[in-house]
Amino acid sequence: MISNKLKKKRTKYQLFAGIIVSVFAVFFALSILSPDYSTVKHSKIGTKINLSARTVTLIDEAFYEDKNVVELNLYTTIPDASTAKNITVKVTEGTKDNENLTVTTKKINESLYVVFVENLPKKWKILKVKVSEKGGGAEEFDMVDPFYVANEKIKHKAHFKAKSVTYYEAKEIDLFIQDAEKTMSKNNKEVKKLADSNSKIVEVNRDIQSNLSYQTEEKKQEMKSEIQSNEQKIVSQKETMKNLEKANQELEKAIEKAKKQKELLEWL
């Protein structure tokens, strides 16, 4: 009777162990078959790459499913006008570095380029986007880190709609306004931080001054030197605050001009 009970317990244990092993086997198989999207390379909006004479920033991207086309918007700093060169773009898929995909690069102005990657492989996964200045050799492409575009992470849009030059120019203005407003906000925080610092320094100097009378001559000199050093710091920080406030005033004017320019573009 005891042996029968032991057999039943052993059978239940074996059945339970078998289920556990099966579950782990399923999870293990899924971990192999399913890609780890957290490690997929993909350049976020705002990613920058540095060429020899300019910096290129990825400001927007989209994959249009109906046309099987990826669109990238690239903003570049403007170098010396006398030596300025257009940028050129090469795109490959996955590890096929020697098979360039069809690329159309549209120059909107000296700083804004729109890149279309066409005729993509049916099940493309990751695009490697290499940027260089026109006229450079293959080695220049290899010297600069590429942008990465992952199918799983790029914005998917159902339908492609052609856009005008003014649309992209307005988009560039929006980008300028956003960056200017961020800079202004950062400057305002720094001004407040410096103002608070100056207030604390004034309090510290007041405390030091109130304790001067009963100090030794040597200690008095040390304390007076500290007060003088603090006062110099206040003057320096006030100058920094003044410069930041002036910069914000200039940015405000630039934003107003940019908004008027955008209104004009939208009217055209």
C-alpha atoms as a PDB file:
ATOM      1  CA  MET A   1       0.000   0.000   0.000  1.00  0.00           C
ATOM      2  CA  ILE A   2       2.866   2.324   0.868  1.00  0.00           C
ATOM      3  CA  SER A   3       4.606   1.412  -2.378  1.00  0.00           C
ATOM      4  CA  ASN A   4       1.412   2.288  -4.295  1.00  0.00           C
ATOM      5  CA  LYS A   5       1.300   5.707  -2.606  1.00  0.00           C
ATOM      6  CA  LEU A   6       4.963   6.273  -3.425  1.00  0.00           C
ATOM      7  CA  LYS A   7       4.340   5.309  -7.034  1.00  0.00           C
ATOM      8  CA  LYS A   8       1.435   7.780  -7.223  1.00  0.00           C
ATOM      9  CA  LYS A   9       3.581  10.562  -5.690  1.00  0.00           C
ATOM     10  CA  ARG A  10       6.440   9.741  -8.062  1.00  0.00           C
ATOM     11  CA  THR A  11       4.040   9.799 -11.026  1.00  0.00           C
ATOM     12  CA  LYS A  12       2.630  13.189  -9.945  1.00  0.00           C
ATOM     13  CA  TYR A  13       6.174  14.566  -9.470  1.00  0.00           C
ATOM     14  CA  GLN A  14       7.281  13.257 -12.857  1.00  0.00           C
ATOM     15  CA  LEU A  15       4.201  14.790 -14.495  1.00  0.00           C
ATOM     16  CA  PHE A  16       4.814  18.160 -12.758  1.00  0.00           C
ATOM     17  CA  ALA A  17       8.514  18.101 -13.655  1.00  0.00           C
ATOM     18  CA  GLY A  18       7.631  17.294 -17.245  1.00  0.00           C
ATOM     19  CA  ILE A  19       5.294  20.294 -17.416  1.00  0.00           C
ATOM     20  CA  ILE A  20       7.974  22.605 -15.964  1.00  0.00           C
ATOM     21  CA  VAL A  21      10.572  21.367 -18.450  1.00  0.00           C
ATOM     22  CA  SER A  22       8.106  21.856 -21.316  1.00  0.00           C
ATOM     23  CA  VAL A  23       7.328  25.418 -20.225  1.00  0.00           C
ATOM     24  CA  PHE A  24      11.027  26.304 -20.005  1.00  0.00           C
ATOM     25  CA  ALA A  25      11.613  24.715 -23.398  1.00  0.00           C
ATOM     26  CA  VAL A  26       8.875  26.881 -24.932  1.00  0.00           C
ATOM     27  CA  PHE A  27      10.298  30.065 -23.376  1.00  0.00           C
ATOM     28  CA  PHE A  28      13.797  29.122 -24.500  1.00  0.00           C
ATOM     29  CA  ALA A  29      12.592  28.513 -28.056  1.00  0.00           C
ATOM     30  CA  LEU A  30      10.743  31.844 -28.091  1.00  0.00           C
ATOM     31  CA  SER A  31      13.840  33.679 -26.857  1.00  0.00           C
ATOM     32  CA  ILE A  32      15.772  32.262 -29.807  1.00  0.00           C
ATOM     33  CA  LEU A  33      13.096  32.814 -32.437  1.00  0.00           C
ATOM     34  CA  SER A  34      11.971  36.268 -31.278  1.00  0.00           C
ATOM     35  CA  PRO A  35      14.371  39.172 -31.916  1.00  0.00           C
ATOM     36  CA  ASP A  36      15.454  41.293 -28.965  1.00  0.00           C
ATOM     37  CA  TYR A  37      14.091  44.693 -30.062  1.00  0.00           C
ATOM     38  CA  SER A  38      15.735  46.429 -27.114  1.00  0.00           C
ATOM     39  CA  THR A  39      19.142  45.850 -28.730  1.00  0.00           C
ATOM     40  CA  VAL A  40      18.148  46.789 -32.291  1.00  0.00           C
ATOM     41  CA  LYS A  41      20.236  49.716 -33.516  1.00  0.00           C
ATOM     42  CA  HIS A  42      18.123  52.767 -34.311  1.00  0.00           C
ATOM     43  CA  SER A  43      19.149  56.420 -34.395  1.00  0.00           C
ATOM     44  CA  LYS A  44      16.745  58.595 -32.419  1.00  0.00           C
ATOM     45  CA  ILE A  45      15.509  61.948 -33.678  1.00  0.00           C
ATOM     46  CA  GLY A  46      18.201  64.468 -32.763  1.00  0.00           C
ATOM     47  CA  THR A  47      21.108  62.083 -33.372  1.00  0.00           C
ATOM     48  CA  LYS A  48      24.126  63.952 -34.785  1.00  0.00           C
ATOM     49  CA  ILE A  49      27.096  62.857 -36.863  1.00  0.00           C
ATOM     50  CA  ASN A  50      30.173  64.987 -37.503  1.00  0.00           C
ATOM     51  CA  LEU A  51      31.590  65.343 -41.000  1.00  0.00           C
ATOM     52  CA  SER A  52      34.877  67.104 -41.679  1.00  0.00           C
ATOM     53  CA  ALA A  53      33.267  70.527 -42.190  1.00  0.00           C
ATOM     54  CA  ARG A  54      29.725  70.265 -40.816  1.00  0.00           C
ATOM     55  CA  THR A  55      27.431  68.473 -38.394  1.00  0.00           C
ATOM     56  CA  VAL A  56      24.412  66.534 -39.668  1.00  0.00           C
ATOM     57  CA  THR A  57      21.348  66.021 -37.455  1.00  0.00           C
ATOM     58  CA  LEU A  58      18.480  63.585 -38.049  1.00  0.00           C
ATOM     59  CA  ILE A  59      15.355  65.693 -37.469  1.00  0.00           C
ATOM     60  CA  ASP A  60      12.582  63.413 -38.780  1.00  0.00           C
ATOM     61  CA  GLU A  61      11.924  60.020 -40.337  1.00  0.00           C
ATOM     62  CA  ALA A  62       9.035  57.900 -41.608  1.00  0.00           C
ATOM     63  CA  PHE A  63       8.368  54.644 -43.476  1.00  0.00           C
ATOM     64  CA  TYR A  64       5.553  54.835 -46.040  1.00  0.00           C
ATOM     65  CA  GLU A  65       4.107  51.366 -46.417  1.00  0.00           C
ATOM     66  CA  ASP A  66       2.197  51.936 -49.674  1.00  0.00           C
ATOM     67  CA  LYS A  67       5.319  53.093 -51.550  1.00  0.00           C
ATOM     68  CA  ASN A  68       7.835  51.004 -49.574  1.00  0.00           C
ATOM     69  CA  VAL A  69       9.878  54.167 -49.039  1.00  0.00           C
ATOM     70  CA  VAL A  70      11.775  55.569 -46.059  1.00  0.00           C
ATOM     71  CA  GLU A  71      12.010  59.357 -45.767  1.00  0.00           C
ATOM     72  CA  LEU A  72      14.742  61.009 -43.702  1.00  0.00           C
ATOM     73  CA  ASN A  73      15.051  64.727 -42.981  1.00  0.00           C
ATOM     74  CA  LEU A  74      18.626  65.868 -42.327  1.00  0.00           C
ATOM     75  CA  TYR A  75      19.623  69.267 -40.961  1.00  0.00           C
ATOM     76  CA  THR A  76      23.226  70.339 -41.513  1.00  0.00           C
ATOM     77  CA  THR A  77      25.236  73.208 -40.130  1.00  0.00           C
ATOM     78  CA  ILE A  78      26.322  75.685 -42.811  1.00  0.00           C
ATOM     79  CA  PRO A  79      30.116  75.751 -43.262  1.00  0.00           C
ATOM     80  CA  ASP A  80      32.167  78.497 -44.879  1.00  0.00           C
ATOM     81  CA  ALA A  81      30.190  79.463 -47.987  1.00  0.00           C
ATOM     82  CA  SER A  82      33.337  79.528 -50.114  1.00  0.00           C
ATOM     83  CA  THR A  83      34.097  75.874 -49.365  1.00  0.00           C
ATOM     84  CA  ALA A  84      30.553  74.544 -48.898  1.00  0.00           C
ATOM     85  CA  LYS A  85      29.816  71.194 -50.526  1.00  0.00           C
ATOM     86  CA  ASN A  86      26.526  69.371 -50.855  1.00  0.00           C
ATOM     87  CA  ILE A  87      26.115  66.205 -48.849  1.00  0.00           C
ATOM     88  CA  THR A  88      25.733  62.792 -50.445  1.00  0.00           C
ATOM     89  CA  VAL A  89      24.031  59.748 -48.929  1.00  0.00           C
ATOM     90  CA  LYS A  90      24.530  56.001 -49.339  1.00  0.00           C
ATOM     91  CA  VAL A  91      22.209  53.420 -47.789  1.00  0.00           C
ATOM     92  CA  THR A  92      22.643  49.680 -47.308  1.00  0.00           C
ATOM     93  CA  GLU A  93      20.417  47.077 -45.656  1.00  0.00           C
ATOM     94  CA  GLY A  94      21.558  44.796 -42.871  1.00  0.00           C
ATOM     95  CA  THR A  95      25.043  43.426 -43.426  1.00  0.00           C
ATOM     96  CA  LYS A  96      24.977  43.918 -47.206  1.00  0.00           C
ATOM     97  CA  ASP A  97      27.493  46.774 -47.167  1.00  0.00           C
ATOM     98  CA  ASN A  98      28.362  46.384 -50.848  1.00  0.00           C
ATOM     99  CA  GLU A  99      24.769  46.591 -52.124  1.00  0.00           C
ATOM    100  CA  ASN A 100      23.663  50.230 -52.172  1.00  0.00           C
ATOM    101  CA  LEU A 101      19.922  50.862 -52.169  1.00  0.00           C
ATOM    102  CA  THR A 102      18.202  53.406 -54.419  1.00  0.00           C
ATOM    103  CA  VAL A 103      18.494  56.852 -52.818  1.00  0.00           C
ATOM    104  CA  THR A 104      17.076  60.201 -53.925  1.00  0.00           C
ATOM    105  CA  THR A 105      18.453  63.232 -52.082  1.00  0.00           C
ATOM    106  CA  LYS A 106      16.518  66.484 -52.356  1.00  0.00           C
ATOM    107  CA  LYS A 107      18.307  69.672 -51.288  1.00  0.00           C
ATOM    108  CA  ILE A 108      15.756  72.114 -49.853  1.00  0.00           C
ATOM    109  CA  ASN A 109      18.370  74.734 -48.985  1.00  0.00           C
ATOM    110  CA  GLU A 110      21.975  74.860 -47.813  1.00  0.00           C
ATOM    111  CA  SER A 111      21.093  73.359 -44.432  1.00  0.00           C
ATOM    112  CA  LEU A 112      18.119  71.042 -45.084  1.00  0.00           C
ATOM    113  CA  TYR A 113      18.116  67.813 -47.085  1.00  0.00           C
ATOM    114  CA  VAL A 114      15.328  65.284 -47.628  1.00  0.00           C
ATOM    115  CA  VAL A 115      16.429  61.722 -48.363  1.00  0.00           C
ATOM    116  CA  PHE A 116      14.184  59.042 -49.873  1.00  0.00           C
ATOM    117  CA  VAL A 117      15.285  55.396 -49.716  1.00  0.00           C
ATOM    118  CA  GLU A 118      13.339  53.503 -52.377  1.00  0.00           C
ATOM    119  CA  ASN A 119      12.793  49.921 -53.583  1.00  0.00           C
ATOM    120  CA  LEU A 120      13.444  48.504 -50.136  1.00  0.00           C
ATOM    121  CA  PRO A 121      13.733  44.727 -49.673  1.00  0.00           C
ATOM    122  CA  LYS A 122      10.358  43.223 -48.800  1.00  0.00           C
ATOM    123  CA  LYS A 123      11.386  42.228 -45.273  1.00  0.00           C
ATOM    124  CA  TRP A 124      14.010  44.855 -44.552  1.00  0.00           C
ATOM    125  CA  LYS A 125      15.117  45.144 -40.936  1.00  0.00           C
ATOM    126  CA  ILE A 126      17.852  47.735 -40.472  1.00  0.00           C
ATOM    127  CA  LEU A 127      19.165  50.412 -42.819  1.00  0.00           C
ATOM    128  CA  LYS A 128      22.651  51.833 -42.488  1.00  0.00           C
ATOM    129  CA  VAL A 129      22.661  55.454 -43.699  1.00  0.00           C
ATOM    130  CA  LYS A 130      26.108  56.852 -44.481  1.00  0.00           C
ATOM    131  CA  VAL A 131      26.560  60.571 -45.079  1.00  0.00           C
ATOM    132  CA  SER A 132      29.520  62.386 -46.606  1.00  0.00           C
ATOM    133  CA  GLU A 133      30.308  65.627 -48.389  1.00  0.00           C
ATOM    134  CA  LYS A 134      30.073  65.404 -52.154  1.00  0.00           C
ATOM    135  CA  GLY A 135      33.360  64.617 -53.847  1.00  0.00           C
ATOM    136  CA  GLY A 136      34.697  62.575 -50.968  1.00  0.00           C
ATOM    137  CA  GLY A 137      35.959  59.051 -51.545  1.00  0.00           C
ATOM    138  CA  ALA A 138      34.652  55.796 -50.091  1.00  0.00           C
ATOM    139  CA  GLU A 139      37.034  56.176 -47.146  1.00  0.00           C
ATOM    140  CA  GLU A 140      35.150  59.309 -46.006  1.00  0.00           C
ATOM    141  CA  PHE A 141      31.925  57.305 -45.698  1.00  0.00           C
ATOM    142  CA  ASP A 142      33.737  54.711 -43.603  1.00  0.00           C
ATOM    143  CA  MET A 143      35.307  57.314 -41.291  1.00  0.00           C
ATOM    144  CA  VAL A 144      31.929  58.629 -40.101  1.00  0.00           C
ATOM    145  CA  ASP A 145      29.410  56.737 -37.962  1.00  0.00           C
ATOM    146  CA  PRO A 146      26.188  56.072 -39.903  1.00  0.00           C
ATOM    147  CA  PHE A 147      22.593  56.705 -38.941  1.00  0.00           C
ATOM    148  CA  TYR A 148      20.638  53.491 -38.271  1.00  0.00           C
ATOM    149  CA  VAL A 149      16.985  53.006 -39.213  1.00  0.00           C
ATOM    150  CA  ALA A 150      15.157  49.968 -37.790  1.00  0.00           C
ATOM    151  CA  ASN A 151      11.878  48.800 -39.315  1.00  0.00           C
ATOM    152  CA  GLU A 152      10.513  47.987 -35.855  1.00  0.00           C
ATOM    153  CA  LYS A 153      11.235  51.474 -34.470  1.00  0.00           C
ATOM    154  CA  ILE A 154      10.675  53.954 -37.303  1.00  0.00           C
ATOM    155  CA  LYS A 155       7.262  55.650 -37.614  1.00  0.00           C
ATOM    156  CA  HIS A 156       5.063  53.686 -40.037  1.00  0.00           C
ATOM    157  CA  LYS A 157       2.611  55.621 -42.186  1.00  0.00           C
ATOM    158  CA  ALA A 158       0.071  54.015 -44.490  1.00  0.00           C
ATOM    159  CA  HIS A 159       0.182  56.471 -47.380  1.00  0.00           C
ATOM    160  CA  PHE A 160       2.876  58.644 -48.914  1.00  0.00           C
ATOM    161  CA  LYS A 161       1.961  62.224 -49.769  1.00  0.00           C
ATOM    162  CA  ALA A 162       4.340  64.447 -51.722  1.00  0.00           C
ATOM    163  CA  LYS A 163       5.275  67.656 -49.903  1.00  0.00           C
ATOM    164  CA  SER A 164       6.331  71.041 -51.216  1.00  0.00           C
ATOM    165  CA  VAL A 165       9.596  72.867 -50.619  1.00  0.00           C
ATOM    166  CA  THR A 166       7.714  75.411 -48.490  1.00  0.00           C
ATOM    167  CA  TYR A 167       6.445  72.572 -46.268  1.00  0.00           C
ATOM    168  CA  TYR A 168      10.013  71.542 -45.454  1.00  0.00           C
ATOM    169  CA  GLU A 169      11.140  75.155 -45.003  1.00  0.00           C
ATOM    170  CA  ALA A 170       8.292  75.696 -42.531  1.00  0.00           C
ATOM    171  CA  LYS A 171       9.340  72.507 -40.765  1.00  0.00           C
ATOM    172  CA  GLU A 172      12.891  73.830 -40.486  1.00  0.00           C
ATOM    173  CA  ILE A 173      11.544  77.056 -38.964  1.00  0.00           C
ATOM    174  CA  ASP A 174       9.565  75.016 -36.405  1.00  0.00           C
ATOM    175  CA  LEU A 175      12.772  73.222 -35.477  1.00  0.00           C
ATOM    176  CA  PHE A 176      14.585  76.544 -35.027  1.00  0.00           C
ATOM    177  CA  ILE A 177      11.778  77.902 -32.825  1.00  0.00           C
ATOM    178  CA  GLN A 178      11.759  74.756 -30.659  1.00  0.00           C
ATOM    179  CA  ASP A 179      15.527  74.888 -30.178  1.00  0.00           C
ATOM    180  CA  ALA A 180      15.439  78.634 -29.455  1.00  0.00           C
ATOM    181  CA  GLU A 181      12.689  78.198 -26.862  1.00  0.00           C
ATOM    182  CA  LYS A 182      14.641  75.374 -25.193  1.00  0.00           C
ATOM    183  CA  THR A 183      17.724  77.598 -25.053  1.00  0.00           C
ATOM    184  CA  MET A 184      15.689  80.458 -23.568  1.00  0.00           C
ATOM    185  CA  SER A 185      14.230  78.154 -20.929  1.00  0.00           C
ATOM    186  CA  LYS A 186      17.712  76.884 -20.066  1.00  0.00           C
ATOM    187  CA  ASN A 187      19.025  80.460 -19.855  1.00  0.00           C
ATOM    188  CA  ASN A 188      16.151  81.522 -17.589  1.00  0.00           C
ATOM    189  CA  LYS A 189      16.879  78.629 -15.224  1.00  0.00           C
ATOM    190  CA  GLU A 190      20.550  79.598 -15.143  1.00  0.00           C
ATOM    191  CA  VAL A 191      19.682  83.257 -14.423  1.00  0.00           C
ATOM    192  CA  LYS A 192      17.458  82.194 -11.513  1.00  0.00           C
ATOM    193  CA  LYS A 193      20.174  79.873 -10.218  1.00  0.00           C
ATOM    194  CA  LEU A 194      22.757  82.683 -10.302  1.00  0.00           C
ATOM    195  CA  ALA A 195      20.335  85.148  -8.678  1.00  0.00           C
ATOM    196  CA  ASP A 196      19.679  82.676  -5.833  1.00  0.00           C
ATOM    197  CA  SER A 197      23.426  82.138  -5.488  1.00  0.00           C
ATOM    198  CA  ASN A 198      24.029  85.888  -5.215  1.00  0.00           C
ATOM    199  CA  SER A 199      21.346  86.201  -2.533  1.00  0.00           C
ATOM    200  CA  LYS A 200      23.028  83.478  -0.481  1.00  0.00           C
ATOM    201  CA  ILE A 201      26.441  85.101  -0.928  1.00  0.00           C
ATOM    202  CA  VAL A 202      25.031  88.420   0.347  1.00  0.00           C
ATOM    203  CA  GLU A 203      23.710  86.623   3.448  1.00  0.00           C
ATOM    204  CA  VAL A 204      27.075  84.937   4.004  1.00  0.00           C
ATOM    205  CA  ASN A 205      28.886  88.277   3.725  1.00  0.00           C
ATOM    206  CA  ARG A 206      26.426  89.836   6.163  1.00  0.00           C
ATOM    207  CA  ASP A 207      27.115  87.072   8.696  1.00  0.00           C
ATOM    208  CA  ILE A 208      30.869  87.430   8.260  1.00  0.00           C
ATOM    209  CA  GLN A 209      30.628  91.218   8.687  1.00  0.00           C
ATOM    210  CA  SER A 210      28.606  90.873  11.887  1.00  0.00           C
ATOM    211  CA  ASN A 211      31.321  88.699  13.432  1.00  0.00           C
ATOM    212  CA  LEU A 212      34.300  90.877  12.516  1.00  0.00           C
ATOM    213  CA  SER A 213      34.421  93.087  15.602  1.00  0.00           C
ATOM    214  CA  TYR A 214      35.627  90.495  18.118  1.00  0.00           C
ATOM    215  CA  GLN A 215      38.142  88.686  15.882  1.00  0.00           C
ATOM    216  CA  THR A 216      41.922  88.921  16.019  1.00  0.00           C
ATOM    217  CA  GLU A 217      43.583  91.167  13.443  1.00  0.00           C
ATOM    218  CA  GLU A 218      44.845  88.159  11.519  1.00  0.00           C
ATOM    219  CA  LYS A 219      41.385  86.574  11.458  1.00  0.00           C
ATOM    220  CA  LYS A 220      39.813  89.897  10.478  1.00  0.00           C
ATOM    221  CA  GLN A 221      42.053  90.073   7.408  1.00  0.00           C
ATOM    222  CA  GLU A 222      41.059  86.535   6.408  1.00  0.00           C
ATOM    223  CA  MET A 223      37.364  87.348   6.788  1.00  0.00           C
ATOM    224  CA  LYS A 224      37.680  90.626   4.874  1.00  0.00           C
ATOM    225  CA  SER A 225      39.446  88.764   2.047  1.00  0.00           C
ATOM    226  CA  GLU A 226      36.584  86.260   1.967  1.00  0.00           C
ATOM    227  CA  ILE A 227      34.035  89.088   1.775  1.00  0.00           C
ATOM    228  CA  GLN A 228      35.965  90.700  -1.074  1.00  0.00           C
ATOM    229  CA  SER A 229      36.199  87.383  -2.940  1.00  0.00           C
ATOM    230  CA  ASN A 230      32.462  86.842  -2.516  1.00  0.00           C
ATOM    231  CA  GLU A 231      31.698  90.339  -3.793  1.00  0.00           C
ATOM    232  CA  GLN A 232      33.807  89.687  -6.887  1.00  0.00           C
ATOM    233  CA  LYS A 233      31.852  86.478  -7.474  1.00  0.00           C
ATOM    234  CA  ILE A 234      28.588  88.437  -7.253  1.00  0.00           C
ATOM    235  CA  VAL A 235      29.852  90.921  -9.859  1.00  0.00           C
ATOM    236  CA  SER A 236      30.952  88.074 -12.145  1.00  0.00           C
ATOM    237  CA  GLN A 237      27.639  86.241 -11.818  1.00  0.00           C
ATOM    238  CA  LYS A 238      25.673  89.434 -12.455  1.00  0.00           C
ATOM    239  CA  GLU A 239      27.634  89.896 -15.692  1.00  0.00           C
ATOM    240  CA  THR A 240      26.786  86.324 -16.719  1.00  0.00           C
ATOM    241  CA  MET A 241      23.115  86.954 -15.925  1.00  0.00           C
ATOM    242  CA  LYS A 242      23.197  90.128 -18.010  1.00  0.00           C
ATOM    243  CA  ASN A 243      24.668  88.234 -20.988  1.00  0.00           C
ATOM    244  CA  LEU A 244      22.089  85.449 -20.703  1.00  0.00           C
ATOM    245  CA  GLU A 245      19.224  87.950 -20.539  1.00  0.00           C
ATOM    246  CA  LYS A 246      20.618  89.755 -23.585  1.00  0.00           C
ATOM    247  CA  ALA A 247      20.874  86.432 -25.449  1.00  0.00           C
ATOM    248  CA  ASN A 248      17.236  85.694 -24.612  1.00  0.00           C
ATOM    249  CA  GLN A 249      16.152  89.097 -25.916  1.00  0.00           C
ATOM    250  CA  GLU A 250      17.924  88.368 -29.201  1.00  0.00           C
ATOM    251  CA  LEU A 251      16.323  84.925 -29.366  1.00  0.00           C
ATOM    252  CA  GLU A 252      12.881  86.458 -28.791  1.00  0.00           C
ATOM    253  CA  LYS A 253      13.415  88.776 -31.750  1.00  0.00           C
ATOM    254  CA  ALA A 254      14.663  85.874 -33.883  1.00  0.00           C
ATOM    255  CA  ILE A 255      11.609  83.780 -32.965  1.00  0.00           C
ATOM    256  CA  GLU A 256       9.264  86.609 -33.956  1.00  0.00           C
ATOM    257  CA  LYS A 257      11.018  86.930 -37.324  1.00  0.00           C
ATOM    258  CA  ALA A 258      10.873  83.154 -37.805  1.00  0.00           C
ATOM    259  CA  LYS A 259       7.133  83.076 -37.073  1.00  0.00           C
ATOM    260  CA  LYS A 260       6.503  85.842 -39.606  1.00  0.00           C
ATOM    261  CA  GLN A 261       8.589  83.947 -42.169  1.00  0.00           C
ATOM    262  CA  LYS A 262       6.547  80.798 -41.512  1.00  0.00           C
ATOM    263  CA  GLU A 263       3.288  82.718 -41.935  1.00  0.00           C
ATOM    264  CA  LEU A 264       4.561  83.966 -45.285  1.00  0.00           C
ATOM    265  CA  LEU A 265       5.462  80.436 -46.386  1.00  0.00           C
ATOM    266  CA  GLU A 266       2.033  79.141 -45.390  1.00  0.00           C
ATOM    267  CA  TRP A 267       0.398  81.957 -47.340  1.00  0.00           C
ATOM    268  CA  LEU A 268       2.333  81.121 -50.534  1.00  0.00           C
END
